């Protein structure tokens, strides 16, 4: 798994300070993952967070989901759940300690679901919780996530800026610019699909993202101590027709 920047690992006291009582129902590798790389975003999809027993308590009164005889928990039991992650779309991943179930609380669906981890992989894998998250993605979306496996820690020192590549005659397309950037600055890792291209650089402690869906936006994410590398990258992008975003 590629780690985008220097992680902020968490100690056991830091983790347990957010949990009122110990539970034996954590997903495989979850606590070790927090100890090693801390909170962050996995593959641009799941925000891995410290256990939070408070955030879902109000949801027991909101009436957001339907409940029937097949529901894994009752609406009132939502308040007992400990949230351990959220997706970028607003779904919750939580543990229900009393039933030892891993619960998926979808933002845009009517029913909660239980996540089964029988096919999640072996415990001795270097990053077992990454395998768990991949299995959750497969169960929720019905397909495997494509591309590089990467984790973006929340360092608290990340900066960014945005540029635009305006359309025009004889102007580069965004995929062409991404290809030229890849050739000029060999990335340590990359992720590309029809909608976006991200080139990861350890010297930035971040990455350059080309928004293919938008067709114009270029974003550079970097750590505070990478200013020299950032200046070189920005000057190169400006030399290829990018402009400061207004």
Protein backbone atom coordinates (compact mmCIF):
# COMPACT_ATOMS: atom_id res chain seq x y z
CA UNK A 1 0.00 0.00 0.00
CA UNK A 2 1.38 3.40 -0.99
CA UNK A 3 1.39 5.98 1.83
CA UNK A 4 1.00 9.48 0.38
CA UNK A 5 2.78 11.40 3.14
CA UNK A 6 4.31 10.90 6.58
CA UNK A 7 1.58 9.27 8.69
CA UNK A 8 0.47 10.42 12.14
CA UNK A 9 0.23 7.15 14.01
CA UNK A 10 -1.96 6.92 17.12
CA UNK A 11 -1.08 5.40 20.48
CA UNK A 12 -3.42 3.09 22.37
CA UNK A 13 -4.29 5.83 24.91
CA UNK A 14 -5.18 8.18 22.03
CA UNK A 15 -7.44 5.55 20.51
CA UNK A 16 -9.07 4.40 23.74
CA UNK A 17 -9.70 7.99 24.86
CA UNK A 18 -12.48 8.05 22.28
CA UNK A 19 -14.14 4.80 23.40
CA UNK A 20 -16.15 4.55 26.59
CA UNK A 21 -15.63 0.82 26.90
CA UNK A 22 -13.55 -1.89 25.22
CA UNK A 23 -15.24 -3.90 22.51
CA UNK A 24 -14.06 -7.12 20.95
CA UNK A 25 -15.91 -6.57 17.69
CA UNK A 26 -13.46 -4.37 15.77
CA UNK A 27 -12.83 -5.42 12.16
CA UNK A 28 -9.59 -7.36 11.61
CA UNK A 29 -6.59 -5.06 11.68
CA UNK A 30 -8.55 -1.86 12.35
CA UNK A 31 -6.83 -0.78 15.58
CA UNK A 32 -3.40 -1.79 14.27
CA UNK A 33 -4.06 0.30 11.16
CA UNK A 34 -4.71 3.36 13.34
CA UNK A 35 -1.60 2.66 15.39
CA UNK A 36 0.58 2.46 12.28
CA UNK A 37 -0.75 5.19 9.97
CA UNK A 38 -3.44 7.06 11.91
CA UNK A 39 -6.54 8.64 10.48
CA UNK A 40 -6.82 9.33 6.77
CA UNK A 41 -8.54 8.49 3.50
CA UNK A 42 -8.22 5.07 1.87
CA UNK A 43 -8.15 4.97 -1.95
CA UNK A 44 -9.97 8.31 -2.17
CA UNK A 45 -13.11 6.62 -0.83
CA UNK A 46 -13.21 5.72 2.87
CA UNK A 47 -12.25 8.05 5.69
CA UNK A 48 -10.68 5.86 8.38
CA UNK A 49 -11.36 7.45 11.76
CA UNK A 50 -10.84 6.85 15.45
CA UNK A 51 -13.81 5.12 17.16
CA UNK A 52 -16.61 7.63 17.75
CA UNK A 53 -19.46 6.47 20.03
CA UNK A 54 -21.27 9.82 19.89
CA UNK A 55 -21.73 10.84 16.25
CA UNK A 56 -24.55 8.35 15.47
CA UNK A 57 -26.61 8.89 18.62
CA UNK A 58 -28.82 11.62 17.05
CA UNK A 59 -29.50 9.38 14.04
CA UNK A 60 -31.71 7.15 16.21
CA UNK A 61 -34.32 9.92 16.05
CA UNK A 62 -33.97 11.08 12.44
CA UNK A 63 -36.04 8.39 10.71
CA UNK A 64 -33.59 8.13 7.81
CA UNK A 65 -33.97 4.38 7.22
CA UNK A 66 -36.70 1.76 7.08
CA UNK A 67 -36.74 -1.11 9.59
CA UNK A 68 -38.39 -4.53 9.35
CA UNK A 69 -37.92 -8.06 10.67
CA UNK A 70 -34.75 -8.48 8.58
CA UNK A 71 -33.07 -5.31 9.85
CA UNK A 72 -29.77 -6.06 11.64
CA UNK A 73 -30.58 -3.65 14.48
CA UNK A 74 -33.52 -1.49 15.55
CA UNK A 75 -33.68 2.23 14.93
CA UNK A 76 -33.03 2.89 18.62
CA UNK A 77 -29.91 0.72 18.53
CA UNK A 78 -28.30 3.08 16.04
CA UNK A 79 -27.45 5.21 19.06
CA UNK A 80 -25.35 2.35 20.46
CA UNK A 81 -23.19 2.09 17.34
CA UNK A 82 -19.56 3.21 17.31
CA UNK A 83 -18.66 4.90 14.02
CA UNK A 84 -15.24 3.94 12.66
CA UNK A 85 -15.41 5.48 9.18
CA UNK A 86 -17.33 7.55 6.67
CA UNK A 87 -17.21 7.55 2.91
CA UNK A 88 -16.69 10.69 0.88
CA UNK A 89 -20.39 10.36 -0.07
CA UNK A 90 -21.56 10.45 3.55
CA UNK A 91 -22.16 6.75 4.32
CA UNK A 92 -21.21 5.48 7.80
CA UNK A 93 -19.32 2.35 8.78
CA UNK A 94 -19.96 1.39 12.38
CA UNK A 95 -19.62 -1.37 14.95
CA UNK A 96 -22.60 -2.40 17.07
CA UNK A 97 -20.89 -3.77 20.22
CA UNK A 98 -23.91 -5.60 21.67
CA UNK A 99 -24.41 -7.77 18.57
CA UNK A 100 -20.75 -7.71 17.37
CA UNK A 101 -21.94 -6.67 13.92
CA UNK A 102 -20.27 -4.40 11.40
CA UNK A 103 -23.04 -2.11 10.15
CA UNK A 104 -23.24 -0.11 6.93
CA UNK A 105 -25.46 2.99 7.21
CA UNK A 106 -25.97 4.23 3.63
CA UNK A 107 -26.78 7.80 2.86
CA UNK A 108 -28.83 7.09 -0.25
CA UNK A 109 -30.50 3.75 0.57
CA UNK A 110 -33.51 2.84 2.70
CA UNK A 111 -32.09 -0.06 4.72
CA UNK A 112 -29.05 -0.71 6.87
CA UNK A 113 -26.97 -3.76 6.07
CA UNK A 114 -24.55 -6.05 7.86
CA UNK A 115 -21.07 -6.39 6.40
CA UNK A 116 -19.82 -9.97 6.44
CA UNK A 117 -16.04 -10.37 6.54
CA UNK A 118 -15.80 -14.11 5.84
CA UNK A 119 -14.06 -13.37 2.52
CA UNK A 120 -11.98 -10.43 3.68
CA UNK A 121 -8.57 -12.10 3.57
CA UNK A 122 -5.92 -13.55 5.84
CA UNK A 123 -4.98 -12.06 9.19
CA UNK A 124 -1.23 -12.22 8.54
CA UNK A 125 -1.39 -9.83 5.57
CA UNK A 126 0.73 -6.71 6.05
CA UNK A 127 -2.34 -4.47 5.91
CA UNK A 128 -5.32 -6.66 6.90
CA UNK A 129 -7.65 -3.68 7.39
CA UNK A 130 -6.96 -2.55 3.83
CA UNK A 131 -8.23 -5.94 2.69
CA UNK A 132 -11.31 -5.47 4.88
CA UNK A 133 -12.04 -2.12 3.28
CA UNK A 134 -11.67 -3.62 -0.20
CA UNK A 135 -14.14 -6.35 0.76
CA UNK A 136 -16.60 -3.75 2.08
CA UNK A 137 -16.35 -1.86 -1.20
CA UNK A 138 -17.04 -5.07 -3.14
CA UNK A 139 -20.10 -5.90 -1.03
CA UNK A 140 -21.55 -2.40 -1.14
CA UNK A 141 -20.94 -1.60 -4.81
CA UNK A 142 -20.89 -5.07 -6.34
CA UNK A 143 -17.45 -4.73 -7.92
CA UNK A 144 -13.80 -4.43 -6.93
CA UNK A 145 -12.13 -1.05 -6.79
CA UNK A 146 -9.68 -0.51 -9.63
CA UNK A 147 -6.28 1.15 -9.54
CA UNK A 148 -3.48 1.63 -7.06
CA UNK A 149 -3.94 0.89 -3.36
CA UNK A 150 -3.02 4.07 -1.49
CA UNK A 151 -3.66 5.82 1.81
CA UNK A 152 -3.65 9.56 2.41
CA UNK A 153 -2.97 10.31 6.11
CA UNK A 154 -4.49 13.39 7.71
CA UNK A 155 -1.31 15.18 8.70
CA UNK A 156 -2.81 18.54 9.62
CA UNK A 157 -0.03 20.25 7.65
CA UNK A 158 -1.29 19.66 4.10
CA UNK A 159 -1.57 22.65 1.76
CA UNK A 160 -2.98 22.90 -1.76
CA UNK A 161 -3.65 25.20 -4.67
CA UNK A 162 -5.74 24.98 -7.82
CA UNK A 163 -4.93 25.92 -11.40
CA UNK A 164 -7.02 25.92 -14.57
CA UNK A 165 -6.09 24.79 -18.05
CA UNK A 166 -8.41 26.98 -20.15
CA UNK A 167 -9.68 25.64 -23.48
CA UNK A 168 -8.40 27.21 -26.68
CA UNK A 169 -6.94 26.60 -30.08
CA UNK A 170 -3.68 24.62 -29.97
CA UNK A 171 -4.12 24.20 -26.22
CA UNK A 172 -3.20 20.93 -24.53
CA UNK A 173 -5.95 18.69 -23.25
CA UNK A 174 -5.86 17.74 -19.59
CA UNK A 175 -4.90 14.08 -20.33
CA UNK A 176 -2.10 15.35 -22.57
CA UNK A 177 -0.86 17.63 -19.79
CA UNK A 178 -0.99 14.74 -17.32
CA UNK A 179 1.09 12.61 -19.67
CA UNK A 180 3.67 15.35 -20.08
CA UNK A 181 3.83 15.85 -16.31
CA UNK A 182 4.33 12.12 -15.79
CA UNK A 183 7.25 12.20 -18.27
CA UNK A 184 8.84 15.36 -16.86
CA UNK A 185 8.41 14.41 -13.18
CA UNK A 186 8.44 10.64 -12.75
CA UNK A 187 5.88 9.90 -10.03
CA UNK A 188 6.41 7.46 -7.19
CA UNK A 189 2.91 6.14 -7.78
CA UNK A 190 -0.08 7.04 -9.95
CA UNK A 191 -3.80 6.47 -10.23
CA UNK A 192 -5.78 7.12 -13.41
CA UNK A 193 -9.30 6.43 -14.68
CA UNK A 194 -11.63 8.17 -17.17
CA UNK A 195 -12.49 10.84 -14.58
CA UNK A 196 -9.22 11.73 -12.89
CA UNK A 197 -5.47 11.25 -12.83
CA UNK A 198 -3.38 11.58 -9.67
CA UNK A 199 0.42 11.55 -9.74
CA UNK A 200 1.93 10.94 -6.29
CA UNK A 201 5.30 12.36 -5.21
CA UNK A 202 7.13 11.71 -1.95
CA UNK A 203 9.04 14.97 -2.46
CA UNK A 204 5.70 16.79 -2.32
CA UNK A 205 4.29 14.68 0.46
CA UNK A 206 1.21 14.74 -1.74
CA UNK A 207 0.11 14.58 -5.35
CA UNK A 208 -0.95 16.42 -8.49
CA UNK A 209 -4.55 15.73 -9.53
CA UNK A 210 -5.87 16.30 -13.05
CA UNK A 211 -9.67 16.51 -13.07
CA UNK A 212 -10.58 14.86 -16.39
CA UNK A 213 -14.30 15.13 -15.62
CA UNK A 214 -13.99 18.90 -15.21
CA UNK A 215 -11.56 19.09 -18.19
CA UNK A 216 -9.75 22.13 -16.78
CA UNK A 217 -8.85 21.78 -13.11
CA UNK A 218 -5.37 20.90 -11.86
CA UNK A 219 -4.86 20.61 -8.10
CA UNK A 220 -1.56 20.28 -6.25
CA UNK A 221 -1.55 18.91 -2.69
CA UNK A 222 1.67 19.16 -0.69
CA UNK A 223 3.21 19.27 2.76
CA UNK A 224 4.50 22.52 4.28
CA UNK A 225 8.15 21.48 4.03
CA UNK A 226 7.99 20.80 0.27
CA UNK A 227 7.93 24.40 -0.89
CA UNK A 228 10.93 24.13 -3.22
CA UNK A 229 9.48 21.13 -5.08
CA UNK A 230 6.08 22.84 -5.17
CA UNK A 231 7.57 25.97 -6.76
CA UNK A 232 9.22 23.93 -9.51
CA UNK A 233 5.99 22.03 -10.19
CA UNK A 234 3.87 25.17 -10.27
CA UNK A 235 6.22 26.98 -12.63
CA UNK A 236 6.19 24.00 -14.97
CA UNK A 237 2.37 23.84 -15.00
CA UNK A 238 2.13 27.58 -15.69
CA UNK A 239 4.62 27.21 -18.54
CA UNK A 240 2.28 24.66 -20.16
CA UNK A 241 -0.70 27.02 -20.22
CA UNK A 242 -2.22 26.66 -16.78
CA UNK A 243 -3.53 29.77 -15.05
CA UNK A 244 -4.22 30.65 -11.47
CA UNK A 245 -7.80 29.79 -10.55
CA UNK A 246 -10.05 32.78 -9.88
